[in-house]
Amino acid sequence: MARSSRTFAVIGLGAFGTTVAQELARSGSHVMGIDLDEQRVTRVASSLSSTAILDTTDENALRDVGIGQFDVALVAIGRDIQASILTTMNLRMLGVETIWVKASNKTHHRILSKLGADRVILPEQEVGRHVAQMLRNAALQDYVSLGNGFSVVNIVAPEHLDGKGLEALELGEKYDLQLLGVMRGSEFRRGNEPDLELATDDRLILLGKRAELQRFGDAL
C-alpha cells in the first residue's frame, strides 16, 4: 500500500481517537498515537507508526516528541475540556500546520474555534444528523456534507426508472441538481453519458443543495 506523505498525531486514544488513528494507519499514513493512559497506548502500539505516553498540556513534553514536525494533529481528548483547550494551544504554539479537535459541547466548540482550531468536531451530533438523513429516506445510501448547504448523496434508483434514460431524472429542469455519476455494482459510469440507461438498484451520485436533494429523494 502506498504511504501517504502527510503525517498525523492523534492525541486521546479513547474509542473515537483510536478509530481515527487506526483507519489512518490502515491507509498507509504515518501516525503517532498519544495518551496519558498507558493501557490505551499499549492497546494500539502495534498498529501505529509510533506512540507516546505523556501529558499533552505540558508544552515541553510535546516538543520533546517532535510534535511540530507533524502535518496534522487531531485532539480527541474526551471529557477533560481544560486539557483539550491547553493541548490545542500548545499545538498551535509548536507549529502544527493543521489542527482538528473533538468538542464535548457547543461552548467547548466556540472556545476551540476562537483558539484557531482548523476544524472542530462534535461527533455525536454529526453522526446523529447523518443517521437522521438515512432514516428519513429509504433510498438514501449515504451522503457527505460539503458545507454552505451543499451535499453529495448516494441514492438507489427505484424499479420505475429501469431502462429509462437520464432525462427521466429531470435534473436541471425540475430539480436543480447535478448527476456526478452512476455506480452499477463495481462499475462507474459518468453522469454526462448521453446514451446511459438506468437500471434498478443503480446508485445515483448527486450534488446539490440539501433541500433540493431531499425533494428529489421524496419524489422517487
Protein backbone atom coordinates (compact mmCIF):
# COMPACT_ATOMS: atom_id res chain seq x y z
CA MET A 1 0.00 0.00 0.00
CA ALA A 2 1.34 3.47 -0.89
CA ARG A 3 2.25 5.55 2.11
CA SER A 4 0.59 8.97 2.47
CA SER A 5 3.11 11.84 2.57
CA ARG A 6 1.14 13.58 5.34
CA THR A 7 1.92 12.73 8.94
CA PHE A 8 -0.64 12.62 11.74
CA ALA A 9 -0.63 12.83 15.53
CA VAL A 10 -3.76 11.63 17.32
CA ILE A 11 -3.99 12.83 20.92
CA GLY A 12 -6.50 10.97 23.08
CA LEU A 13 -6.89 7.26 22.39
CA GLY A 14 -10.44 6.61 23.51
CA ALA A 15 -12.89 4.95 21.14
CA PHE A 16 -13.05 7.92 18.74
CA GLY A 17 -9.33 8.71 18.67
CA THR A 18 -8.33 5.06 18.35
CA THR A 19 -10.71 4.53 15.42
CA VAL A 20 -9.35 7.56 13.55
CA ALA A 21 -5.71 6.65 14.26
CA GLN A 22 -6.08 3.04 13.14
CA GLU A 23 -8.00 3.96 9.98
CA LEU A 24 -5.30 6.47 9.05
CA ALA A 25 -2.64 3.84 9.69
CA ARG A 26 -4.51 1.28 7.57
CA SER A 27 -4.48 3.75 4.67
CA GLY A 28 -0.68 3.84 4.83
CA SER A 29 -0.25 7.09 6.78
CA HIS A 30 2.43 7.71 9.39
CA VAL A 31 0.50 8.07 12.67
CA MET A 32 1.66 8.76 16.20
CA GLY A 33 -0.83 7.94 18.96
CA ILE A 34 -0.57 9.87 22.23
CA ASP A 35 -2.36 9.43 25.54
CA LEU A 36 -1.66 9.82 29.24
CA ASP A 37 -3.14 6.37 29.91
CA GLU A 38 -0.51 3.65 29.44
CA GLN A 39 -3.10 0.90 28.82
CA ARG A 40 -4.70 2.82 25.97
CA VAL A 41 -1.33 3.41 24.34
CA THR A 42 -0.33 -0.25 24.75
CA ARG A 43 -3.53 -1.42 23.02
CA VAL A 44 -2.75 0.48 19.80
CA ALA A 45 1.06 0.38 19.81
CA SER A 46 1.34 -2.48 17.31
CA SER A 47 -0.97 -0.86 14.76
CA LEU A 48 0.51 2.68 14.66
CA SER A 49 3.83 4.04 13.45
CA SER A 50 4.75 5.32 16.92
CA THR A 51 3.16 6.05 20.29
CA ALA A 52 3.89 8.16 23.36
CA ILE A 53 2.63 8.28 26.92
CA LEU A 54 2.61 11.90 28.01
CA ASP A 55 0.64 14.85 29.36
CA THR A 56 -0.15 16.98 26.30
CA THR A 57 -0.94 20.03 28.46
CA ASP A 58 2.84 20.15 29.00
CA GLU A 59 4.31 22.12 26.10
CA ASN A 60 7.83 20.77 26.73
CA ALA A 61 6.63 17.16 26.64
CA LEU A 62 5.04 17.74 23.23
CA ARG A 63 8.16 19.47 21.99
CA ASP A 64 10.29 16.53 23.09
CA VAL A 65 8.34 14.10 20.86
CA GLY A 66 8.69 16.44 17.87
CA ILE A 67 5.01 17.29 17.59
CA GLY A 68 5.75 20.38 15.49
CA GLN A 69 7.00 18.13 12.66
CA PHE A 70 3.56 16.59 12.12
CA ASP A 71 1.34 17.94 9.36
CA VAL A 72 -1.94 17.29 11.14
CA ALA A 73 -2.94 16.77 14.76
CA LEU A 74 -6.30 15.52 15.99
CA VAL A 75 -7.13 16.32 19.61
CA ALA A 76 -9.60 13.62 20.63
CA ILE A 77 -9.48 14.17 24.39
CA GLY A 78 -12.84 13.28 25.89
CA ARG A 79 -14.44 14.98 28.88
CA ASP A 80 -11.43 16.98 30.12
CA ILE A 81 -12.23 20.29 28.42
CA GLN A 82 -9.32 22.11 30.09
CA ALA A 83 -6.82 19.54 28.81
CA SER A 84 -8.33 19.76 25.34
CA ILE A 85 -8.00 23.56 25.28
CA LEU A 86 -4.45 23.62 26.65
CA THR A 87 -3.37 20.89 24.23
CA THR A 88 -4.81 22.84 21.29
CA MET A 89 -2.96 25.97 22.40
CA ASN A 90 0.29 24.03 22.70
CA LEU A 91 -0.08 22.51 19.25
CA ARG A 92 -0.63 25.93 17.72
CA MET A 93 2.39 27.41 19.54
CA LEU A 94 4.59 24.49 18.49
CA GLY A 95 3.78 24.99 14.82
CA VAL A 96 1.47 22.11 13.88
CA GLU A 97 0.09 23.08 10.49
CA THR A 98 -3.45 21.71 10.77
CA ILE A 99 -5.36 21.05 13.99
CA TRP A 100 -8.68 19.24 14.30
CA VAL A 101 -10.31 18.98 17.71
CA LYS A 102 -13.16 16.92 19.12
CA ALA A 103 -15.51 19.12 21.18
CA SER A 104 -17.72 17.95 24.04
CA ASN A 105 -20.40 20.64 23.68
CA LYS A 106 -21.22 23.90 21.89
CA THR A 107 -19.41 26.08 24.44
CA HIS A 108 -16.29 23.97 24.03
CA HIS A 109 -16.75 24.29 20.26
CA ARG A 110 -16.83 28.11 20.44
CA ILE A 111 -13.70 28.28 22.60
CA LEU A 112 -11.74 25.97 20.30
CA SER A 113 -12.79 27.95 17.23
CA LYS A 114 -11.50 31.17 18.83
CA LEU A 115 -8.21 29.45 19.64
CA GLY A 116 -7.66 28.82 15.95
CA ALA A 117 -8.54 25.14 15.55
CA ASP A 118 -8.90 24.44 11.83
CA ARG A 119 -11.92 22.23 12.39
CA VAL A 120 -13.95 21.44 15.48
CA ILE A 121 -15.94 18.21 15.51
CA LEU A 122 -19.00 17.28 17.54
CA PRO A 123 -19.04 13.55 16.62
CA GLU A 124 -22.34 12.63 18.30
CA GLN A 125 -24.20 15.49 16.60
CA GLU A 126 -22.62 14.87 13.21
CA VAL A 127 -23.36 11.14 13.33
CA GLY A 128 -26.88 11.88 14.58
CA ARG A 129 -27.60 14.16 11.62
CA HIS A 130 -26.16 11.55 9.27
CA VAL A 131 -28.35 8.78 10.71
CA ALA A 132 -31.45 11.02 10.60
CA GLN A 133 -30.91 11.68 6.89
CA MET A 134 -30.51 7.95 6.22
CA LEU A 135 -33.63 7.06 8.18
CA ARG A 136 -35.69 9.78 6.53
CA ASN A 137 -35.32 8.37 3.01
CA ALA A 138 -35.04 4.61 2.46
CA ALA A 139 -33.43 5.17 -0.97
CA LEU A 140 -30.58 7.23 0.50
CA GLN A 141 -27.49 5.04 0.92
CA ASP A 142 -25.02 7.67 2.07
CA TYR A 143 -24.25 11.37 1.91
CA VAL A 144 -21.41 13.80 2.53
CA SER A 145 -21.99 17.40 3.58
CA LEU A 146 -19.73 19.83 1.70
CA GLY A 147 -20.71 22.95 3.64
CA ASN A 148 -22.72 26.02 2.56
CA GLY A 149 -25.79 23.82 2.26
CA PHE A 150 -24.35 21.52 -0.42
CA SER A 151 -24.10 17.74 -0.15
CA VAL A 152 -23.19 14.75 -2.29
CA VAL A 153 -25.63 11.87 -1.88
CA ASN A 154 -25.84 8.27 -3.00
CA ILE A 155 -29.45 7.36 -3.88
CA VAL A 156 -30.65 3.97 -5.13
CA ALA A 157 -32.61 4.08 -8.38
CA PRO A 158 -36.10 2.59 -7.92
CA GLU A 159 -37.65 -0.01 -10.21
CA HIS A 160 -39.75 2.50 -12.17
CA LEU A 161 -36.55 4.05 -13.61
CA ASP A 162 -35.34 0.75 -15.05
CA GLY A 163 -34.47 1.10 -18.75
CA LYS A 164 -35.04 4.86 -18.82
CA GLY A 165 -32.54 7.48 -19.92
CA LEU A 166 -31.04 10.16 -17.71
CA GLU A 167 -33.66 12.65 -18.89
CA ALA A 168 -36.17 10.77 -16.73
CA LEU A 169 -34.44 12.21 -13.66
CA GLU A 170 -35.41 15.74 -14.79
CA LEU A 171 -32.17 17.16 -13.46
CA GLY A 172 -31.57 20.78 -14.40
CA GLU A 173 -35.25 21.10 -15.29
CA LYS A 174 -37.44 20.12 -12.36
CA TYR A 175 -34.56 19.66 -9.93
CA ASP A 176 -31.51 21.91 -9.60
CA LEU A 177 -29.09 19.01 -9.13
CA GLN A 178 -26.03 17.60 -10.89
CA LEU A 179 -25.51 13.90 -11.58
CA LEU A 180 -21.83 13.16 -10.95
CA GLY A 181 -22.10 9.53 -11.94
CA VAL A 182 -23.82 6.18 -11.62
CA MET A 183 -22.47 3.11 -9.80
CA ARG A 184 -23.71 -0.23 -11.16
CA GLY A 185 -22.18 -2.90 -8.99
CA SER A 186 -18.46 -2.13 -9.15
CA GLU A 187 -18.76 -0.25 -12.46
CA PHE A 188 -18.75 3.57 -12.52
CA ARG A 189 -20.48 5.44 -15.35
CA ARG A 190 -20.11 9.19 -15.77
CA GLY A 191 -23.19 11.32 -15.37
CA ASN A 192 -22.73 13.01 -18.77
CA GLU A 193 -23.02 9.91 -20.94
CA PRO A 194 -25.98 10.67 -23.25
CA ASP A 195 -26.76 7.03 -24.07
CA LEU A 196 -26.73 5.78 -20.47
CA GLU A 197 -29.86 3.85 -19.48
CA LEU A 198 -30.68 3.43 -15.81
CA ALA A 199 -31.24 0.10 -14.12
CA THR A 200 -32.96 -0.88 -10.89
CA ASP A 201 -30.59 -0.55 -7.93
CA ASP A 202 -28.18 1.76 -9.74
CA ARG A 203 -26.66 4.15 -7.22
CA LEU A 204 -27.07 7.75 -8.36
CA ILE A 205 -24.34 10.09 -7.10
CA LEU A 206 -25.87 13.56 -6.95
CA LEU A 207 -24.59 17.01 -5.99
CA GLY A 208 -26.81 19.84 -4.86
CA LYS A 209 -28.40 21.81 -2.06
CA ARG A 210 -29.70 19.69 0.80
CA ALA A 211 -33.34 20.81 0.43
CA GLU A 212 -33.33 20.08 -3.30
CA LEU A 213 -31.79 16.65 -2.74
CA GLN A 214 -34.49 15.87 -0.18
CA ARG A 215 -37.19 16.97 -2.61
CA PHE A 216 -35.75 14.71 -5.31
CA GLY A 217 -35.43 11.77 -2.92
CA ASP A 218 -39.01 12.18 -1.71
CA ALA A 219 -40.28 12.21 -5.31
CA LEU A 220 -38.52 8.94 -6.10
